[in-house]
């Protein structure tokens, strides 16, 4: 897992009033959970954006009172109008203990089925995994080049060394289906053939 270095300042004054004062100075109030004690601190908003405004999973190496802590974003709050970061909760990580994370799924390649006229359906855009912090990738790159019409990739088909996938194994991550128009054309083409087969016995009976 790639990490971004952050410098935090411990907060002793808590509450809405003091949080608002921090935001006016472009600082973002944060909380760190998971360690011996819950720590309240603030971080420069511009530095925090490099960690938050990205589709990839990134860890944070936070320096607090001379101590560096490995952490991961647990929850984040944004302003409903300006999209500015209002608050971030972090969870402290242990390099020797597994952590859970939600990873973005990026599709790689053009499926065979799409080249044949099929329609791509990307059902699950994120997958939940667990693994040691050092094994957690920024995202999941899924090769779909060999995916044909009426074929799917399930959670159970995705394998990454060091990771355990937590979603239902039978859930479909991505699939290629026959386009509706082509499906209708195939049904229409099959209809006359079926009618001809049904009429054949009647014609034989008439000759008798």
N, C-alpha and C. Protein backbone atom coordinates (compact mmCIF):
# COMPACT_ATOMS: atom_id res chain seq x y z
N UNK A 1 0.84 -1.19 0.00
CA UNK A 1 0.00 0.00 0.00
C UNK A 1 0.88 1.25 0.00
N UNK A 2 0.65 2.10 -0.97
CA UNK A 2 1.39 3.35 -1.01
C UNK A 2 0.91 4.27 0.11
N UNK A 3 1.83 5.04 0.67
CA UNK A 3 1.47 5.93 1.77
C UNK A 3 1.83 7.38 1.45
N UNK A 4 1.11 8.27 2.09
CA UNK A 4 1.36 9.71 1.98
C UNK A 4 1.71 10.23 3.37
N UNK A 5 2.76 11.01 3.45
CA UNK A 5 3.20 11.56 4.73
C UNK A 5 2.35 12.77 5.11
N UNK A 6 1.85 12.76 6.33
CA UNK A 6 1.06 13.88 6.85
C UNK A 6 1.63 14.33 8.19
N UNK A 7 1.56 15.62 8.42
CA UNK A 7 2.01 16.16 9.70
C UNK A 7 0.78 16.65 10.46
N UNK A 8 0.52 16.02 11.61
CA UNK A 8 -0.66 16.37 12.38
C UNK A 8 -0.33 17.16 13.63
N UNK A 9 -1.29 17.99 14.04
CA UNK A 9 -1.16 18.77 15.28
C UNK A 9 -2.23 18.31 16.25
N UNK A 10 -1.82 17.87 17.44
CA UNK A 10 -2.76 17.38 18.44
C UNK A 10 -3.75 18.49 18.82
N UNK A 11 -5.04 18.13 18.92
CA UNK A 11 -6.08 19.07 19.33
C UNK A 11 -6.46 18.81 20.78
N UNK A 12 -6.47 19.86 21.56
CA UNK A 12 -6.92 19.75 22.95
C UNK A 12 -8.29 20.38 23.12
N UNK A 13 -8.60 21.36 22.28
CA UNK A 13 -9.92 21.99 22.33
C UNK A 13 -10.83 21.30 21.32
N UNK A 14 -11.88 20.65 21.82
CA UNK A 14 -12.77 19.90 20.97
C UNK A 14 -14.14 20.57 20.90
N UNK A 15 -14.92 20.15 19.91
CA UNK A 15 -16.26 20.70 19.77
C UNK A 15 -16.44 21.45 18.47
N UNK A 16 -17.69 21.77 18.14
CA UNK A 16 -18.05 22.41 16.87
C UNK A 16 -17.39 23.77 16.70
N UNK A 17 -17.35 24.56 17.76
CA UNK A 17 -16.78 25.91 17.70
C UNK A 17 -15.31 25.86 17.29
N UNK A 18 -14.54 24.98 17.93
CA UNK A 18 -13.11 24.92 17.65
C UNK A 18 -12.83 24.26 16.29
N UNK A 19 -13.70 23.34 15.90
CA UNK A 19 -13.55 22.72 14.58
C UNK A 19 -13.75 23.76 13.49
N UNK A 20 -14.72 24.64 13.67
CA UNK A 20 -14.98 25.71 12.70
C UNK A 20 -13.79 26.66 12.60
N UNK A 21 -13.17 26.95 13.75
CA UNK A 21 -11.99 27.82 13.76
C UNK A 21 -10.85 27.19 12.97
N UNK A 22 -10.68 25.89 13.12
CA UNK A 22 -9.63 25.17 12.38
C UNK A 22 -9.87 25.27 10.88
N UNK A 23 -11.11 25.05 10.47
CA UNK A 23 -11.43 25.06 9.04
C UNK A 23 -11.19 26.43 8.41
N UNK A 24 -11.38 27.49 9.19
CA UNK A 24 -11.13 28.83 8.66
C UNK A 24 -9.65 29.05 8.38
N UNK A 25 -8.79 28.26 9.00
CA UNK A 25 -7.34 28.36 8.77
C UNK A 25 -6.85 27.26 7.82
N UNK A 26 -7.83 26.65 7.09
CA UNK A 26 -7.53 25.60 6.09
C UNK A 26 -7.00 24.32 6.72
N UNK A 27 -7.31 24.12 8.00
CA UNK A 27 -6.97 22.88 8.68
C UNK A 27 -8.22 22.00 8.78
N UNK A 28 -8.03 20.69 8.77
CA UNK A 28 -9.15 19.75 8.84
C UNK A 28 -9.07 18.97 10.15
N UNK A 29 -10.12 19.00 10.97
CA UNK A 29 -10.12 18.20 12.19
C UNK A 29 -10.19 16.71 11.88
N UNK A 30 -9.39 15.92 12.57
CA UNK A 30 -9.32 14.47 12.34
C UNK A 30 -9.31 13.74 13.67
N UNK A 31 -9.64 12.44 13.60
CA UNK A 31 -9.58 11.57 14.78
C UNK A 31 -8.89 10.28 14.38
N UNK A 32 -8.01 9.79 15.24
CA UNK A 32 -7.31 8.53 15.01
C UNK A 32 -7.80 7.50 16.02
N UNK A 33 -8.37 6.41 15.49
CA UNK A 33 -8.85 5.32 16.33
C UNK A 33 -7.92 4.10 16.18
N UNK A 34 -8.11 3.13 17.06
CA UNK A 34 -7.42 1.85 16.90
C UNK A 34 -6.16 1.69 17.70
N UNK A 35 -5.64 2.76 18.27
CA UNK A 35 -4.42 2.67 19.07
C UNK A 35 -4.74 2.54 20.56
N UNK A 36 -3.77 2.79 21.39
CA UNK A 36 -4.00 2.73 22.84
C UNK A 36 -5.00 3.78 23.28
N UNK A 37 -4.92 4.95 22.62
CA UNK A 37 -5.84 6.05 22.95
C UNK A 37 -6.39 6.66 21.66
N UNK A 38 -7.59 7.20 21.76
CA UNK A 38 -8.16 7.94 20.64
C UNK A 38 -7.51 9.31 20.59
N UNK A 39 -6.98 9.68 19.43
CA UNK A 39 -6.27 10.96 19.31
C UNK A 39 -7.02 11.91 18.40
N UNK A 40 -7.17 13.15 18.85
CA UNK A 40 -7.79 14.21 18.06
C UNK A 40 -6.68 15.12 17.56
N UNK A 41 -6.67 15.38 16.27
CA UNK A 41 -5.62 16.21 15.70
C UNK A 41 -6.14 16.93 14.45
N UNK A 42 -5.33 17.79 13.89
CA UNK A 42 -5.69 18.50 12.67
C UNK A 42 -4.58 18.36 11.64
N UNK A 43 -4.97 18.45 10.37
CA UNK A 43 -4.02 18.29 9.26
C UNK A 43 -4.31 19.37 8.22
N UNK A 44 -3.29 19.80 7.54
CA UNK A 44 -3.46 20.78 6.47
C UNK A 44 -4.39 20.22 5.39
N UNK A 45 -5.40 20.98 5.02
CA UNK A 45 -6.41 20.51 4.07
C UNK A 45 -5.85 20.17 2.70
N UNK A 46 -4.90 20.98 2.22
CA UNK A 46 -4.32 20.74 0.89
C UNK A 46 -3.56 19.42 0.87
N UNK A 47 -2.82 19.13 1.94
CA UNK A 47 -2.06 17.88 2.01
C UNK A 47 -3.01 16.69 2.10
N UNK A 48 -4.12 16.88 2.78
CA UNK A 48 -5.09 15.80 2.97
C UNK A 48 -5.79 15.41 1.67
N UNK A 49 -5.96 16.37 0.77
CA UNK A 49 -6.63 16.09 -0.50
C UNK A 49 -5.89 15.04 -1.32
N UNK A 50 -4.56 15.02 -1.21
CA UNK A 50 -3.78 14.04 -1.96
C UNK A 50 -4.11 12.61 -1.52
N UNK A 51 -4.58 12.49 -0.30
CA UNK A 51 -4.94 11.19 0.25
C UNK A 51 -6.41 10.85 -0.01
N UNK A 52 -7.25 11.87 0.04
CA UNK A 52 -8.70 11.66 -0.02
C UNK A 52 -9.26 11.69 -1.44
N UNK A 53 -8.83 12.67 -2.24
CA UNK A 53 -9.40 12.86 -3.58
C UNK A 53 -8.67 11.96 -4.58
N UNK A 54 -8.92 10.69 -4.50
CA UNK A 54 -8.31 9.71 -5.39
C UNK A 54 -9.12 8.42 -5.36
N UNK A 55 -9.24 7.73 -6.48
CA UNK A 55 -9.98 6.46 -6.47
C UNK A 55 -9.16 5.31 -5.89
N UNK A 56 -7.87 5.54 -5.69
CA UNK A 56 -6.98 4.49 -5.21
C UNK A 56 -6.87 4.50 -3.69
N UNK A 57 -6.64 3.31 -3.13
CA UNK A 57 -6.41 3.20 -1.70
C UNK A 57 -4.99 3.65 -1.38
N UNK A 58 -4.87 4.56 -0.44
CA UNK A 58 -3.56 5.01 0.01
C UNK A 58 -3.55 5.08 1.52
N UNK A 59 -2.44 4.70 2.10
CA UNK A 59 -2.29 4.80 3.54
C UNK A 59 -1.70 6.15 3.90
N UNK A 60 -1.70 6.44 5.19
CA UNK A 60 -1.15 7.70 5.67
C UNK A 60 -0.11 7.42 6.75
N UNK A 61 1.04 8.05 6.62
CA UNK A 61 2.06 8.00 7.67
C UNK A 61 1.97 9.34 8.39
N UNK A 62 1.28 9.33 9.53
CA UNK A 62 0.98 10.58 10.23
C UNK A 62 1.98 10.81 11.36
N UNK A 63 2.60 11.97 11.34
CA UNK A 63 3.53 12.34 12.41
C UNK A 63 2.77 13.13 13.47
N UNK A 64 2.73 12.59 14.68
CA UNK A 64 2.03 13.22 15.80
C UNK A 64 2.95 13.28 17.01
N UNK A 65 3.29 14.47 17.42
CA UNK A 65 4.18 14.66 18.58
C UNK A 65 5.45 13.84 18.46
N UNK A 66 6.06 13.85 17.28
CA UNK A 66 7.33 13.16 17.07
C UNK A 66 7.21 11.67 16.83
N UNK A 67 5.98 11.14 16.83
CA UNK A 67 5.77 9.71 16.60
C UNK A 67 5.06 9.52 15.27
N UNK A 68 5.53 8.58 14.46
CA UNK A 68 4.91 8.31 13.18
C UNK A 68 3.96 7.12 13.30
N UNK A 69 2.75 7.31 12.79
CA UNK A 69 1.71 6.29 12.89
C UNK A 69 1.23 5.92 11.50
N UNK A 70 1.16 4.62 11.21
CA UNK A 70 0.60 4.14 9.95
C UNK A 70 -0.91 4.02 10.12
N UNK A 71 -1.65 4.65 9.21
CA UNK A 71 -3.10 4.66 9.35
C UNK A 71 -3.78 4.62 7.99
N UNK A 72 -5.09 4.42 8.04
CA UNK A 72 -5.90 4.36 6.82
C UNK A 72 -7.20 5.13 7.08
N UNK A 73 -7.71 5.77 6.05
CA UNK A 73 -8.96 6.51 6.19
C UNK A 73 -10.10 5.54 6.46
N UNK A 74 -10.87 5.84 7.50
CA UNK A 74 -12.03 5.01 7.84
C UNK A 74 -13.33 5.67 7.41
N UNK A 75 -13.41 6.98 7.59
CA UNK A 75 -14.62 7.72 7.21
C UNK A 75 -14.25 9.16 6.91
N UNK A 76 -14.96 9.76 5.98
CA UNK A 76 -14.68 11.16 5.62
C UNK A 76 -15.99 11.90 5.39
N UNK A 77 -15.98 13.20 5.72
CA UNK A 77 -17.16 14.04 5.55
C UNK A 77 -16.81 15.23 4.67
N UNK A 78 -17.73 15.55 3.74
CA UNK A 78 -17.52 16.67 2.84
C UNK A 78 -18.63 17.71 3.01
N UNK A 79 -18.32 18.95 2.69
CA UNK A 79 -19.34 20.01 2.69
C UNK A 79 -20.31 19.72 1.55
N UNK A 80 -21.62 19.78 1.79
CA UNK A 80 -22.60 19.42 0.75
C UNK A 80 -22.60 20.33 -0.46
N UNK A 81 -22.08 21.53 -0.33
CA UNK A 81 -22.09 22.49 -1.45
C UNK A 81 -20.71 22.64 -2.08
N UNK A 82 -19.69 22.88 -1.25
CA UNK A 82 -18.35 23.17 -1.77
C UNK A 82 -17.49 21.92 -1.96
N UNK A 83 -17.90 20.78 -1.37
CA UNK A 83 -17.14 19.54 -1.42
C UNK A 83 -15.80 19.63 -0.67
N UNK A 84 -15.66 20.65 0.14
CA UNK A 84 -14.45 20.74 0.96
C UNK A 84 -14.47 19.64 2.03
N UNK A 85 -13.29 19.14 2.39
CA UNK A 85 -13.20 18.10 3.41
C UNK A 85 -13.47 18.72 4.78
N UNK A 86 -14.47 18.18 5.49
CA UNK A 86 -14.85 18.73 6.79
C UNK A 86 -14.23 17.96 7.95
N UNK A 87 -14.12 16.65 7.79
CA UNK A 87 -13.65 15.83 8.90
C UNK A 87 -13.20 14.47 8.37
N UNK A 88 -12.17 13.90 8.99
CA UNK A 88 -11.67 12.58 8.58
C UNK A 88 -11.40 11.74 9.82
N UNK A 89 -11.90 10.51 9.78
CA UNK A 89 -11.57 9.52 10.81
C UNK A 89 -10.54 8.56 10.24
N UNK A 90 -9.48 8.32 11.00
CA UNK A 90 -8.44 7.36 10.62
C UNK A 90 -8.48 6.17 11.56
N UNK A 91 -8.01 5.03 11.08
CA UNK A 91 -7.82 3.87 11.93
C UNK A 91 -6.34 3.49 11.87
N UNK A 92 -5.74 3.31 13.04
CA UNK A 92 -4.31 2.97 13.11
C UNK A 92 -4.10 1.53 12.64
N UNK A 93 -3.04 1.31 11.90
CA UNK A 93 -2.73 -0.01 11.35
C UNK A 93 -1.50 -0.61 12.02
N UNK A 94 -1.52 -1.93 12.09
CA UNK A 94 -0.36 -2.68 12.56
C UNK A 94 0.17 -3.45 11.35
N UNK A 95 1.43 -3.25 11.01
CA UNK A 95 1.99 -3.89 9.82
C UNK A 95 1.92 -5.40 9.87
N UNK A 96 1.75 -5.96 11.09
CA UNK A 96 1.71 -7.42 11.24
C UNK A 96 0.28 -7.95 11.41
N UNK A 97 -0.70 -7.08 11.31
CA UNK A 97 -2.09 -7.48 11.47
C UNK A 97 -2.89 -7.14 10.21
N UNK A 98 -3.79 -8.01 9.82
CA UNK A 98 -4.59 -7.77 8.62
C UNK A 98 -5.57 -6.63 8.83
N UNK A 99 -5.79 -5.90 7.74
CA UNK A 99 -6.74 -4.79 7.76
C UNK A 99 -7.75 -5.01 6.64
N UNK A 100 -8.92 -4.44 6.77
CA UNK A 100 -9.94 -4.54 5.71
C UNK A 100 -9.99 -3.23 4.94
N UNK A 101 -10.28 -3.35 3.65
CA UNK A 101 -10.34 -2.16 2.81
C UNK A 101 -11.29 -2.40 1.64
N UNK A 102 -11.74 -1.31 1.04
CA UNK A 102 -12.59 -1.37 -0.15
C UNK A 102 -11.77 -0.84 -1.32
N UNK A 103 -11.56 -1.70 -2.33
CA UNK A 103 -10.68 -1.35 -3.45
C UNK A 103 -11.48 -1.11 -4.73
N UNK A 104 -11.08 -0.09 -5.47
CA UNK A 104 -11.69 0.19 -6.77
C UNK A 104 -11.29 -0.89 -7.77
N UNK A 105 -12.24 -1.33 -8.61
CA UNK A 105 -11.96 -2.30 -9.66
C UNK A 105 -11.81 -1.55 -10.98
N UNK A 106 -10.62 -1.67 -11.59
CA UNK A 106 -10.39 -1.05 -12.90
C UNK A 106 -10.31 -2.14 -13.95
N UNK A 107 -11.15 -2.02 -14.98
CA UNK A 107 -11.19 -3.01 -16.04
C UNK A 107 -10.09 -2.74 -17.06
N UNK A 108 -9.39 -3.80 -17.46
CA UNK A 108 -8.27 -3.67 -18.40
C UNK A 108 -8.55 -4.52 -19.64
N UNK A 109 -8.46 -3.92 -20.82
CA UNK A 109 -8.65 -4.64 -22.07
C UNK A 109 -10.07 -4.54 -22.60
N UNK A 110 -10.22 -4.84 -23.89
CA UNK A 110 -11.55 -4.85 -24.51
C UNK A 110 -12.01 -6.29 -24.67
N UNK A 111 -13.15 -6.65 -24.09
CA UNK A 111 -13.62 -8.04 -24.14
C UNK A 111 -13.91 -8.53 -25.56
N UNK A 112 -13.63 -9.81 -25.81
CA UNK A 112 -13.98 -10.43 -27.08
C UNK A 112 -15.47 -10.27 -27.35
N UNK A 113 -16.27 -10.46 -26.32
CA UNK A 113 -17.72 -10.37 -26.47
C UNK A 113 -18.21 -9.01 -26.92
N UNK A 114 -17.54 -7.95 -26.50
CA UNK A 114 -17.92 -6.60 -26.91
C UNK A 114 -17.59 -6.39 -28.38
N UNK A 115 -16.47 -6.96 -28.83
CA UNK A 115 -16.10 -6.84 -30.24
C UNK A 115 -17.09 -7.60 -31.13
N UNK A 116 -17.77 -8.58 -30.54
CA UNK A 116 -18.79 -9.34 -31.28
C UNK A 116 -20.16 -8.67 -31.23
N UNK A 117 -20.23 -7.56 -30.53
CA UNK A 117 -21.51 -6.85 -30.44
C UNK A 117 -22.20 -6.95 -29.10
N UNK A 118 -21.55 -7.60 -28.11
CA UNK A 118 -22.14 -7.73 -26.78
C UNK A 118 -22.05 -6.43 -25.99
N UNK A 119 -22.77 -6.39 -24.88
CA UNK A 119 -22.79 -5.21 -24.02
C UNK A 119 -22.11 -5.51 -22.70
N UNK A 120 -21.16 -4.65 -22.31
CA UNK A 120 -20.41 -4.84 -21.07
C UNK A 120 -21.22 -4.32 -19.88
N UNK A 121 -21.28 -5.12 -18.82
CA UNK A 121 -21.97 -4.72 -17.59
C UNK A 121 -21.00 -4.83 -16.41
N UNK A 122 -20.61 -3.67 -15.88
CA UNK A 122 -19.68 -3.63 -14.74
C UNK A 122 -20.51 -3.48 -13.47
N UNK A 123 -20.83 -4.59 -12.84
CA UNK A 123 -21.76 -4.62 -11.71
C UNK A 123 -21.13 -4.14 -10.41
N UNK A 124 -19.94 -4.64 -10.10
CA UNK A 124 -19.28 -4.28 -8.84
C UNK A 124 -18.04 -3.43 -9.13
N UNK A 125 -18.11 -2.18 -8.74
CA UNK A 125 -17.01 -1.25 -9.00
C UNK A 125 -16.01 -1.19 -7.84
N UNK A 126 -16.37 -1.79 -6.73
CA UNK A 126 -15.46 -1.88 -5.59
C UNK A 126 -15.58 -3.27 -4.96
N UNK A 127 -14.48 -3.79 -4.43
CA UNK A 127 -14.48 -5.08 -3.76
C UNK A 127 -13.85 -4.92 -2.38
N UNK A 128 -14.44 -5.59 -1.40
CA UNK A 128 -13.92 -5.55 -0.03
C UNK A 128 -12.92 -6.68 0.16
N UNK A 129 -11.78 -6.34 0.73
CA UNK A 129 -10.72 -7.32 0.93
C UNK A 129 -10.12 -7.17 2.32
N UNK A 130 -9.36 -8.18 2.71
CA UNK A 130 -8.56 -8.08 3.93
C UNK A 130 -7.15 -8.60 3.61
N UNK A 131 -6.17 -8.02 4.28
CA UNK A 131 -4.79 -8.42 4.06
C UNK A 131 -3.85 -7.56 4.88
N UNK A 132 -2.61 -7.96 4.96
CA UNK A 132 -1.62 -7.15 5.66
C UNK A 132 -1.46 -5.81 4.94
N UNK A 133 -1.23 -4.73 5.66
CA UNK A 133 -1.10 -3.42 5.02
C UNK A 133 -0.11 -3.40 3.86
N UNK A 134 0.98 -4.15 3.99
CA UNK A 134 1.98 -4.19 2.92
C UNK A 134 1.51 -4.91 1.68
N UNK A 135 0.43 -5.68 1.79
CA UNK A 135 -0.11 -6.44 0.66
C UNK A 135 -1.28 -5.75 -0.02
N UNK A 136 -1.80 -4.70 0.59
CA UNK A 136 -2.97 -4.02 0.04
C UNK A 136 -2.57 -3.15 -1.16
N UNK A 137 -3.10 -3.43 -2.35
CA UNK A 137 -2.78 -2.61 -3.51
C UNK A 137 -3.63 -1.35 -3.55
N UNK A 138 -3.27 -0.42 -4.41
CA UNK A 138 -4.06 0.80 -4.53
C UNK A 138 -5.41 0.54 -5.17
N UNK A 139 -5.46 -0.45 -6.06
CA UNK A 139 -6.70 -0.80 -6.76
C UNK A 139 -6.57 -2.22 -7.28
N UNK A 140 -7.66 -2.74 -7.85
CA UNK A 140 -7.65 -4.05 -8.47
C UNK A 140 -7.76 -3.87 -9.98
N UNK A 141 -6.74 -4.30 -10.72
CA UNK A 141 -6.77 -4.27 -12.18
C UNK A 141 -7.26 -5.63 -12.66
N UNK A 142 -8.42 -5.64 -13.34
CA UNK A 142 -9.04 -6.89 -13.76
C UNK A 142 -8.98 -7.02 -15.28
N UNK A 143 -8.25 -8.03 -15.76
CA UNK A 143 -8.10 -8.27 -17.20
C UNK A 143 -9.38 -8.93 -17.73
N UNK A 144 -10.07 -8.24 -18.65
CA UNK A 144 -11.33 -8.76 -19.18
C UNK A 144 -11.25 -9.02 -20.69
N UNK A 145 -10.04 -9.05 -21.24
CA UNK A 145 -9.87 -9.19 -22.69
C UNK A 145 -10.49 -10.48 -23.23
N UNK A 146 -10.49 -11.57 -22.45
CA UNK A 146 -10.99 -12.87 -22.92
C UNK A 146 -12.46 -13.10 -22.59
N UNK A 147 -13.13 -12.09 -22.07
CA UNK A 147 -14.53 -12.25 -21.66
C UNK A 147 -15.44 -12.24 -22.89
N UNK A 148 -16.15 -13.36 -23.10
CA UNK A 148 -17.00 -13.52 -24.29
C UNK A 148 -18.46 -13.23 -23.94
N UNK A 149 -19.31 -13.25 -24.97
CA UNK A 149 -20.74 -13.02 -24.76
C UNK A 149 -21.32 -14.08 -23.84
N UNK A 150 -22.18 -13.63 -22.93
CA UNK A 150 -22.84 -14.50 -21.94
C UNK A 150 -21.86 -15.14 -20.95
N UNK A 151 -20.72 -14.48 -20.76
CA UNK A 151 -19.74 -14.94 -19.78
C UNK A 151 -19.60 -13.88 -18.68
N UNK A 152 -19.23 -14.33 -17.49
CA UNK A 152 -19.11 -13.43 -16.34
C UNK A 152 -17.84 -13.71 -15.55
N UNK A 153 -17.40 -12.71 -14.81
CA UNK A 153 -16.33 -12.89 -13.84
C UNK A 153 -16.94 -12.67 -12.47
N UNK A 154 -16.86 -13.69 -11.61
CA UNK A 154 -17.41 -13.62 -10.27
C UNK A 154 -16.32 -13.25 -9.27
N UNK A 155 -16.74 -12.91 -8.07
CA UNK A 155 -15.78 -12.57 -7.02
C UNK A 155 -14.80 -13.72 -6.82
N UNK A 156 -15.30 -14.95 -6.89
CA UNK A 156 -14.44 -16.13 -6.69
C UNK A 156 -13.37 -16.28 -7.76
N UNK A 157 -13.55 -15.61 -8.91
CA UNK A 157 -12.58 -15.70 -10.01
C UNK A 157 -11.42 -14.73 -9.83
N UNK A 158 -11.56 -13.76 -8.95
CA UNK A 158 -10.53 -12.74 -8.76
C UNK A 158 -9.54 -13.24 -7.71
N UNK A 159 -8.30 -13.38 -8.10
CA UNK A 159 -7.26 -13.90 -7.21
C UNK A 159 -6.09 -12.92 -7.14
N UNK A 160 -5.76 -12.50 -5.92
CA UNK A 160 -4.59 -11.64 -5.71
C UNK A 160 -3.84 -12.18 -4.49
N UNK A 161 -2.57 -12.43 -4.66
CA UNK A 161 -1.74 -13.00 -3.60
C UNK A 161 -1.78 -12.14 -2.35
N UNK A 162 -2.08 -12.78 -1.23
CA UNK A 162 -2.07 -12.07 0.05
C UNK A 162 -3.38 -11.44 0.44
N UNK A 163 -4.39 -11.51 -0.44
CA UNK A 163 -5.68 -10.89 -0.15
C UNK A 163 -6.78 -11.93 0.01
N UNK A 164 -7.69 -11.68 0.93
CA UNK A 164 -8.91 -12.47 1.07
C UNK A 164 -10.08 -11.59 0.67
N UNK A 165 -10.91 -12.08 -0.25
CA UNK A 165 -12.05 -11.29 -0.71
C UNK A 165 -13.25 -11.57 0.18
N UNK A 166 -13.91 -10.50 0.61
CA UNK A 166 -14.95 -10.60 1.62
C UNK A 166 -16.37 -10.56 1.06
N UNK A 167 -16.52 -10.20 -0.20
CA UNK A 167 -17.86 -10.18 -0.80
C UNK A 167 -18.30 -11.61 -1.11
N UNK A 168 -19.59 -11.78 -1.38
CA UNK A 168 -20.13 -13.09 -1.74
C UNK A 168 -19.42 -13.63 -2.96
N UNK A 169 -18.92 -14.86 -2.87
CA UNK A 169 -18.14 -15.45 -3.96
C UNK A 169 -18.91 -15.53 -5.27
N UNK A 170 -20.24 -15.68 -5.19
CA UNK A 170 -21.05 -15.85 -6.39
C UNK A 170 -21.46 -14.53 -7.03
N UNK A 171 -21.18 -13.41 -6.38
CA UNK A 171 -21.56 -12.11 -6.95
C UNK A 171 -20.79 -11.85 -8.24
N UNK A 172 -21.49 -11.29 -9.23
CA UNK A 172 -20.88 -11.00 -10.53
C UNK A 172 -20.20 -9.64 -10.49
N UNK A 173 -18.92 -9.63 -10.83
CA UNK A 173 -18.16 -8.38 -10.88
C UNK A 173 -18.36 -7.69 -12.22
N UNK A 174 -18.23 -8.44 -13.29
CA UNK A 174 -18.38 -7.90 -14.65
C UNK A 174 -18.86 -9.00 -15.57
N UNK A 175 -19.64 -8.64 -16.57
CA UNK A 175 -20.15 -9.64 -17.51
C UNK A 175 -20.35 -8.99 -18.88
N UNK A 176 -20.47 -9.85 -19.89
CA UNK A 176 -20.81 -9.39 -21.24
C UNK A 176 -22.07 -10.11 -21.66
N UNK A 177 -23.08 -9.33 -22.00
CA UNK A 177 -24.36 -9.90 -22.41
C UNK A 177 -24.64 -9.53 -23.86
N UNK A 178 -25.46 -10.35 -24.53
CA UNK A 178 -25.85 -10.03 -25.89
C UNK A 178 -26.69 -8.76 -25.88
N UNK A 179 -26.36 -7.84 -26.77
CA UNK A 179 -27.12 -6.60 -26.85
C UNK A 179 -28.58 -6.91 -27.12
N UNK A 180 -29.49 -6.13 -26.54
CA UNK A 180 -30.93 -6.41 -26.64
C UNK A 180 -31.40 -6.49 -28.09
N UNK A 181 -30.91 -5.59 -28.93
CA UNK A 181 -31.33 -5.57 -30.33
C UNK A 181 -30.92 -6.86 -31.04
N UNK A 182 -29.68 -7.31 -30.78
CA UNK A 182 -29.21 -8.54 -31.42
C UNK A 182 -29.94 -9.75 -30.87
N UNK A 183 -30.33 -9.69 -29.61
CA UNK A 183 -31.08 -10.79 -29.01
C UNK A 183 -32.46 -10.90 -29.67
N UNK A 184 -33.06 -9.73 -29.94
CA UNK A 184 -34.36 -9.72 -30.61
C UNK A 184 -34.25 -10.22 -32.04
N UNK A 185 -33.14 -9.84 -32.71
CA UNK A 185 -32.93 -10.29 -34.09
C UNK A 185 -32.75 -11.81 -34.14
N UNK A 186 -32.02 -12.34 -33.15
CA UNK A 186 -31.79 -13.79 -33.10
C UNK A 186 -33.10 -14.53 -32.85
N UNK A 187 -33.95 -13.96 -31.98
CA UNK A 187 -35.25 -14.58 -31.68
C UNK A 187 -36.15 -14.55 -32.90
N UNK A 188 -36.11 -13.43 -33.63
CA UNK A 188 -36.94 -13.30 -34.83
C UNK A 188 -36.50 -14.26 -35.92
N UNK A 189 -35.18 -14.47 -36.05
CA UNK A 189 -34.65 -15.39 -37.05
C UNK A 189 -35.00 -16.83 -36.72
N UNK A 190 -35.09 -17.13 -35.44
CA UNK A 190 -35.39 -18.50 -35.01
C UNK A 190 -36.87 -18.82 -35.14
N UNK A 191 -37.73 -17.81 -35.10
CA UNK A 191 -39.18 -18.02 -35.14
C UNK A 191 -39.67 -18.70 -36.41
N UNK A 192 -39.28 -18.26 -37.63
CA UNK A 192 -39.73 -18.93 -38.85
C UNK A 192 -39.28 -20.39 -38.94
N UNK A 193 -38.06 -20.64 -38.48
CA UNK A 193 -37.53 -22.00 -38.52
C UNK A 193 -38.35 -22.92 -37.63
N UNK A 194 -38.76 -22.41 -36.47
CA UNK A 194 -39.58 -23.19 -35.56
C UNK A 194 -40.95 -23.45 -36.16
N UNK A 195 -41.48 -22.44 -36.88
CA UNK A 195 -42.79 -22.58 -37.51
C UNK A 195 -42.76 -23.61 -38.62
N UNK A 196 -41.66 -23.64 -39.37
CA UNK A 196 -41.53 -24.58 -40.49
C UNK A 196 -41.48 -26.01 -39.98
N UNK A 197 -40.79 -26.23 -38.87
CA UNK A 197 -40.71 -27.57 -38.29
C UNK A 197 -42.07 -28.04 -37.81
N UNK A 198 -42.86 -27.10 -37.26
CA UNK A 198 -44.18 -27.46 -36.75
C UNK A 198 -45.13 -27.81 -37.88
N UNK A 199 -44.94 -27.16 -39.06
CA UNK A 199 -45.84 -27.38 -40.18
C UNK A 199 -45.54 -28.67 -40.93
N UNK A 200 -44.33 -29.20 -40.83
CA UNK A 200 -43.91 -30.38 -41.58
C UNK A 200 -44.79 -31.59 -41.36
N UNK A 201 -45.17 -31.98 -40.16
CA UNK A 201 -46.01 -33.15 -39.94
C UNK A 201 -47.39 -33.01 -40.59
N UNK A 202 -47.96 -31.77 -40.56
CA UNK A 202 -49.27 -31.53 -41.15
C UNK A 202 -49.23 -31.78 -42.65
N UNK A 203 -48.14 -31.36 -43.32
CA UNK A 203 -48.01 -31.52 -44.75
C UNK A 203 -47.93 -33.00 -45.12
N UNK A 204 -47.23 -33.78 -44.32
CA UNK A 204 -47.09 -35.22 -44.56
C UNK A 204 -48.45 -35.90 -44.42
N UNK A 205 -49.23 -35.47 -43.42
CA UNK A 205 -50.54 -36.06 -43.18
C UNK A 205 -51.48 -35.81 -44.35
N UNK A 206 -51.36 -34.64 -44.99
CA UNK A 206 -52.23 -34.29 -46.09
C UNK A 206 -51.98 -35.19 -47.29
N UNK A 207 -50.74 -35.61 -47.51
CA UNK A 207 -50.42 -36.50 -48.66
C UNK A 207 -51.06 -37.84 -48.49
N UNK A 208 -51.21 -38.32 -47.25
CA UNK A 208 -51.86 -39.61 -47.00
C UNK A 208 -53.34 -39.53 -47.35
